[in-house]
Amino acid sequence: MISSIEDPNQVIGSYVISAGDISVVVGPISKDYGQMAKMKYLGYTTVTESLTEKELSEISQL
């Protein structure tokens, strides 16, 4: 079963979450634009959100 995941024709595969994936998570973001403006950057609120965006950007590059 595991070997079929590594097949290049499969849509899903294995992925190891890296420190870089976690570093873009800023936690809850205020709905107040004044507070948002004070933030260094508007990152992601969860690791899941970060990984979803990463996958979508990689797919759009195909």
PDB file of N, CA and C in Angstrom:
ATOM      1  N   MET A   1       0.819  -1.191   0.000  1.00  0.00           N
ATOM      2  CA  MET A   1       0.000   0.000   0.000  1.00  0.00           C
ATOM      3  C   MET A   1       0.865   1.258   0.000  1.00  0.00           C
ATOM      4  N   ILE A   2       1.878   1.312   0.861  1.00  0.00           N
ATOM      5  CA  ILE A   2       2.744   2.484   0.936  1.00  0.00           C
ATOM      6  C   ILE A   2       3.459   2.712  -0.395  1.00  0.00           C
ATOM      7  N   SER A   3       3.886   1.666  -1.042  1.00  0.00           N
ATOM      8  CA  SER A   3       4.598   1.841  -2.308  1.00  0.00           C
ATOM      9  C   SER A   3       3.707   2.477  -3.367  1.00  0.00           C
ATOM     10  N   SER A   4       2.402   2.231  -3.323  1.00  0.00           N
ATOM     11  CA  SER A   4       1.505   2.840  -4.306  1.00  0.00           C
ATOM     12  C   SER A   4       1.375   4.343  -4.077  1.00  0.00           C
ATOM     13  N   ILE A   5       1.585   4.837  -2.846  1.00  0.00           N
ATOM     14  CA  ILE A   5       1.537   6.273  -2.579  1.00  0.00           C
ATOM     15  C   ILE A   5       2.700   6.982  -3.268  1.00  0.00           C
ATOM     16  N   GLU A   6       3.841   6.332  -3.327  1.00  0.00           N
ATOM     17  CA  GLU A   6       5.030   6.941  -3.945  1.00  0.00           C
ATOM     18  C   GLU A   6       5.016   6.861  -5.464  1.00  0.00           C
ATOM     19  N   ASP A   7       4.009   6.220  -6.043  1.00  0.00           N
ATOM     20  CA  ASP A   7       3.873   6.141  -7.495  1.00  0.00           C
ATOM     21  C   ASP A   7       3.683   7.554  -8.055  1.00  0.00           C
ATOM     22  N   PRO A   8       4.485   7.983  -9.034  1.00  0.00           N
ATOM     23  CA  PRO A   8       4.394   9.357  -9.556  1.00  0.00           C
ATOM     24  C   PRO A   8       3.045   9.687 -10.185  1.00  0.00           C
ATOM     25  N   ASN A   9       2.234   8.686 -10.501  1.00  0.00           N
ATOM     26  CA  ASN A   9       0.920   8.922 -11.096  1.00  0.00           C
ATOM     27  C   ASN A   9      -0.169   9.153 -10.055  1.00  0.00           C
ATOM     28  N   GLN A  10       0.159   9.007  -8.791  1.00  0.00           N
ATOM     29  CA  GLN A  10      -0.821   9.204  -7.729  1.00  0.00           C
ATOM     30  C   GLN A  10      -1.031  10.688  -7.455  1.00  0.00           C
ATOM     31  N   VAL A  11      -2.229  11.033  -7.049  1.00  0.00           N
ATOM     32  CA  VAL A  11      -2.557  12.423  -6.733  1.00  0.00           C
ATOM     33  C   VAL A  11      -2.092  12.778  -5.328  1.00  0.00           C
ATOM     34  N   ILE A  12      -2.115  11.807  -4.427  1.00  0.00           N
ATOM     35  CA  ILE A  12      -1.692  12.059  -3.049  1.00  0.00           C
ATOM     36  C   ILE A  12      -0.321  11.457  -2.811  1.00  0.00           C
ATOM     37  N   GLY A  13       0.345  11.924  -1.809  1.00  0.00           N
ATOM     38  CA  GLY A  13       1.657  11.396  -1.483  1.00  0.00           C
ATOM     39  C   GLY A  13       2.018  11.748  -0.062  1.00  0.00           C
ATOM     40  N   SER A  14       3.177  11.354   0.348  1.00  0.00           N
ATOM     41  CA  SER A  14       3.623  11.650   1.707  1.00  0.00           C
ATOM     42  C   SER A  14       4.281  13.028   1.733  1.00  0.00           C
ATOM     43  N   TYR A  15       4.219  13.674   2.907  1.00  0.00           N
ATOM     44  CA  TYR A  15       4.809  14.996   3.070  1.00  0.00           C
ATOM     45  C   TYR A  15       5.203  15.147   4.530  1.00  0.00           C
ATOM     46  N   VAL A  16       6.378  15.682   4.762  1.00  0.00           N
ATOM     47  CA  VAL A  16       6.852  15.933   6.125  1.00  0.00           C
ATOM     48  C   VAL A  16       6.724  17.427   6.405  1.00  0.00           C
ATOM     49  N   ILE A  17       5.980  17.771   7.452  1.00  0.00           N
ATOM     50  CA  ILE A  17       5.808  19.174   7.819  1.00  0.00           C
ATOM     51  C   ILE A  17       7.134  19.710   8.324  1.00  0.00           C
ATOM     52  N   SER A  18       7.554  20.845   7.765  1.00  0.00           N
ATOM     53  CA  SER A  18       8.849  21.419   8.114  1.00  0.00           C
ATOM     54  C   SER A  18       8.685  22.612   9.054  1.00  0.00           C
ATOM     55  N   ALA A  19       9.792  23.070   9.591  1.00  0.00           N
ATOM     56  CA  ALA A  19       9.782  24.260  10.451  1.00  0.00           C
ATOM     57  C   ALA A  19       9.296  25.468   9.654  1.00  0.00           C
ATOM     58  N   GLY A  20       9.603  25.520   8.378  1.00  0.00           N
ATOM     59  CA  GLY A  20       9.144  26.612   7.529  1.00  0.00           C
ATOM     60  C   GLY A  20       7.632  26.657   7.402  1.00  0.00           C
ATOM     61  N   ASP A  21       7.008  25.473   7.371  1.00  0.00           N
ATOM     62  CA  ASP A  21       5.545  25.409   7.309  1.00  0.00           C
ATOM     63  C   ASP A  21       4.927  25.994   8.575  1.00  0.00           C
ATOM     64  N   ILE A  22       5.576  25.739   9.686  1.00  0.00           N
ATOM     65  CA  ILE A  22       5.054  26.197  10.975  1.00  0.00           C
ATOM     66  C   ILE A  22       5.384  27.663  11.217  1.00  0.00           C
ATOM     67  N   SER A  23       6.502  28.138  10.689  1.00  0.00           N
ATOM     68  CA  SER A  23       6.949  29.511  10.963  1.00  0.00           C
ATOM     69  C   SER A  23       6.015  30.574  10.402  1.00  0.00           C
ATOM     70  N   VAL A  24       5.188  30.230   9.422  1.00  0.00           N
ATOM     71  CA  VAL A  24       4.281  31.222   8.829  1.00  0.00           C
ATOM     72  C   VAL A  24       2.948  31.315   9.571  1.00  0.00           C
ATOM     73  N   VAL A  25       2.784  30.500  10.614  1.00  0.00           N
ATOM     74  CA  VAL A  25       1.552  30.524  11.401  1.00  0.00           C
ATOM     75  C   VAL A  25       1.665  31.627  12.452  1.00  0.00           C
ATOM     76  N   VAL A  26       0.723  32.572  12.410  1.00  0.00           N
ATOM     77  CA  VAL A  26       0.744  33.693  13.350  1.00  0.00           C
ATOM     78  C   VAL A  26      -0.342  33.572  14.421  1.00  0.00           C
ATOM     79  N   GLY A  27      -1.183  32.567  14.320  1.00  0.00           N
ATOM     80  CA  GLY A  27      -2.284  32.423  15.275  1.00  0.00           C
ATOM     81  C   GLY A  27      -3.476  33.257  14.831  1.00  0.00           C
ATOM     82  N   PRO A  28      -4.417  33.459  15.743  1.00  0.00           N
ATOM     83  CA  PRO A  28      -5.623  34.222  15.381  1.00  0.00           C
ATOM     84  C   PRO A  28      -5.281  35.634  14.906  1.00  0.00           C
ATOM     85  N   ILE A  29      -5.954  36.077  13.867  1.00  0.00           N
ATOM     86  CA  ILE A  29      -5.763  37.420  13.322  1.00  0.00           C
ATOM     87  C   ILE A  29      -6.996  38.242  13.669  1.00  0.00           C
ATOM     88  N   SER A  30      -6.770  39.397  14.240  1.00  0.00           N
ATOM     89  CA  SER A  30      -7.855  40.299  14.625  1.00  0.00           C
ATOM     90  C   SER A  30      -8.656  40.724  13.403  1.00  0.00           C
ATOM     91  N   LYS A  31      -9.936  40.963  13.582  1.00  0.00           N
ATOM     92  CA  LYS A  31     -10.786  41.493  12.506  1.00  0.00           C
ATOM     93  C   LYS A  31     -10.623  43.013  12.399  1.00  0.00           C
ATOM     94  N   ASP A  32      -9.961  43.607  13.374  1.00  0.00           N
ATOM     95  CA  ASP A  32      -9.741  45.059  13.412  1.00  0.00           C
ATOM     96  C   ASP A  32      -8.585  45.418  12.480  1.00  0.00           C
ATOM     97  N   TYR A  33      -8.870  46.230  11.462  1.00  0.00           N
ATOM     98  CA  TYR A  33      -7.849  46.580  10.482  1.00  0.00           C
ATOM     99  C   TYR A  33      -6.685  47.355  11.099  1.00  0.00           C
ATOM    100  N   GLY A  34      -6.959  48.117  12.146  1.00  0.00           N
ATOM    101  CA  GLY A  34      -5.893  48.840  12.840  1.00  0.00           C
ATOM    102  C   GLY A  34      -4.904  47.884  13.470  1.00  0.00           C
ATOM    103  N   GLN A  35      -5.426  46.811  14.066  1.00  0.00           N
ATOM    104  CA  GLN A  35      -4.560  45.790  14.656  1.00  0.00           C
ATOM    105  C   GLN A  35      -3.803  45.020  13.571  1.00  0.00           C
ATOM    106  N   MET A  36      -4.481  44.747  12.475  1.00  0.00           N
ATOM    107  CA  MET A  36      -3.822  44.051  11.362  1.00  0.00           C
ATOM    108  C   MET A  36      -2.653  44.877  10.833  1.00  0.00           C
ATOM    109  N   ALA A  37      -2.846  46.190  10.741  1.00  0.00           N
ATOM    110  CA  ALA A  37      -1.811  47.070  10.210  1.00  0.00           C
ATOM    111  C   ALA A  37      -0.554  47.059  11.080  1.00  0.00           C
ATOM    112  N   LYS A  38      -0.705  46.750  12.347  1.00  0.00           N
ATOM    113  CA  LYS A  38       0.435  46.724  13.267  1.00  0.00           C
ATOM    114  C   LYS A  38       1.225  45.413  13.175  1.00  0.00           C
ATOM    115  N   MET A  39       0.623  44.408  12.536  1.00  0.00           N
ATOM    116  CA  MET A  39       1.293  43.109  12.436  1.00  0.00           C
ATOM    117  C   MET A  39       2.433  43.182  11.428  1.00  0.00           C
ATOM    118  N   LYS A  40       3.495  42.411  11.679  1.00  0.00           N
ATOM    119  CA  LYS A  40       4.634  42.343  10.760  1.00  0.00           C
ATOM    120  C   LYS A  40       4.171  41.843   9.388  1.00  0.00           C
ATOM    121  N   TYR A  41       3.345  40.823   9.390  1.00  0.00           N
ATOM    122  CA  TYR A  41       2.725  40.312   8.173  1.00  0.00           C
ATOM    123  C   TYR A  41       1.500  39.500   8.555  1.00  0.00           C
ATOM    124  N   LEU A  42       0.580  39.352   7.624  1.00  0.00           N
ATOM    125  CA  LEU A  42      -0.612  38.547   7.865  1.00  0.00           C
ATOM    126  C   LEU A  42      -0.315  37.135   7.377  1.00  0.00           C
ATOM    127  N   GLY A  43       0.112  36.299   8.275  1.00  0.00           N
ATOM    128  CA  GLY A  43       0.443  34.922   7.924  1.00  0.00           C
ATOM    129  C   GLY A  43      -0.805  34.059   7.935  1.00  0.00           C
ATOM    130  N   TYR A  44      -0.634  32.834   8.314  1.00  0.00           N
ATOM    131  CA  TYR A  44      -1.742  31.885   8.369  1.00  0.00           C
ATOM    132  C   TYR A  44      -2.136  31.658   9.819  1.00  0.00           C
ATOM    133  N   THR A  45      -3.404  31.327  10.024  1.00  0.00           N
ATOM    134  CA  THR A  45      -3.883  31.126  11.390  1.00  0.00           C
ATOM    135  C   THR A  45      -3.635  29.709  11.894  1.00  0.00           C
ATOM    136  N   THR A  46      -3.453  28.758  10.987  1.00  0.00           N
ATOM    137  CA  THR A  46      -3.190  27.369  11.370  1.00  0.00           C
ATOM    138  C   THR A  46      -2.195  26.735  10.394  1.00  0.00           C
ATOM    139  N   VAL A  47      -1.589  25.647  10.806  1.00  0.00           N
ATOM    140  CA  VAL A  47      -0.689  24.897   9.919  1.00  0.00           C
ATOM    141  C   VAL A  47      -1.493  24.333   8.744  1.00  0.00           C
ATOM    142  N   THR A  48      -2.711  23.892   9.019  1.00  0.00           N
ATOM    143  CA  THR A  48      -3.568  23.347   7.966  1.00  0.00           C
ATOM    144  C   THR A  48      -3.806  24.378   6.870  1.00  0.00           C
ATOM    145  N   GLU A  49      -4.103  25.618   7.264  1.00  0.00           N
ATOM    146  CA  GLU A  49      -4.319  26.684   6.293  1.00  0.00           C
ATOM    147  C   GLU A  49      -3.055  26.925   5.458  1.00  0.00           C
ATOM    148  N   SER A  50      -1.908  26.926   6.110  1.00  0.00           N
ATOM    149  CA  SER A  50      -0.635  27.127   5.431  1.00  0.00           C
ATOM    150  C   SER A  50      -0.384  26.028   4.400  1.00  0.00           C
ATOM    151  N   LEU A  51      -0.583  24.788   4.812  1.00  0.00           N
ATOM    152  CA  LEU A  51      -0.330  23.661   3.908  1.00  0.00           C
ATOM    153  C   LEU A  51      -1.305  23.641   2.747  1.00  0.00           C
ATOM    154  N   THR A  52      -2.558  24.017   2.999  1.00  0.00           N
ATOM    155  CA  THR A  52      -3.558  24.058   1.923  1.00  0.00           C
ATOM    156  C   THR A  52      -3.150  25.085   0.874  1.00  0.00           C
ATOM    157  N   GLU A  53      -2.750  26.273   1.319  1.00  0.00           N
ATOM    158  CA  GLU A  53      -2.308  27.308   0.378  1.00  0.00           C
ATOM    159  C   GLU A  53      -1.063  26.857  -0.388  1.00  0.00           C
ATOM    160  N   LYS A  54      -0.164  26.198   0.315  1.00  0.00           N
ATOM    161  CA  LYS A  54       1.067  25.720  -0.327  1.00  0.00           C
ATOM    162  C   LYS A  54       0.728  24.727  -1.438  1.00  0.00           C
ATOM    163  N   GLU A  55      -0.155  23.788  -1.153  1.00  0.00           N
ATOM    164  CA  GLU A  55      -0.546  22.785  -2.144  1.00  0.00           C
ATOM    165  C   GLU A  55      -1.252  23.434  -3.323  1.00  0.00           C
ATOM    166  N   LEU A  56      -2.140  24.386  -3.061  1.00  0.00           N
ATOM    167  CA  LEU A  56      -2.853  25.046  -4.154  1.00  0.00           C
ATOM    168  C   LEU A  56      -1.899  25.824  -5.045  1.00  0.00           C
ATOM    169  N   SER A  57      -0.906  26.461  -4.460  1.00  0.00           N
ATOM    170  CA  SER A  57       0.051  27.224  -5.274  1.00  0.00           C
ATOM    171  C   SER A  57       0.917  26.289  -6.112  1.00  0.00           C
ATOM    172  N   GLU A  58       1.262  25.145  -5.557  1.00  0.00           N
ATOM    173  CA  GLU A  58       2.069  24.176  -6.311  1.00  0.00           C
ATOM    174  C   GLU A  58       1.261  23.574  -7.459  1.00  0.00           C
ATOM    175  N   ILE A  59      -0.026  23.357  -7.229  1.00  0.00           N
ATOM    176  CA  ILE A  59      -0.883  22.804  -8.284  1.00  0.00           C
ATOM    177  C   ILE A  59      -1.036  23.822  -9.406  1.00  0.00           C
ATOM    178  N   SER A  60      -1.197  25.101  -9.057  1.00  0.00           N
ATOM    179  CA  SER A  60      -1.386  26.126 -10.087  1.00  0.00           C
ATOM    180  C   SER A  60      -0.123  26.325 -10.933  1.00  0.00           C
ATOM    181  N   GLN A  61       1.021  25.879 -10.442  1.00  0.00           N
ATOM    182  CA  GLN A  61       2.253  26.000 -11.199  1.00  0.00           C
ATOM    183  C   GLN A  61       2.448  24.866 -12.197  1.00  0.00           C
ATOM    184  N   LEU A  62       1.584  23.865 -12.148  1.00  0.00           N
ATOM    185  CA  LEU A  62       1.722  22.723 -13.065  1.00  0.00           C
ATOM    186  C   LEU A  62       1.397  23.099 -14.496  1.00  0.00           C
TER     187      LEU A  62
END
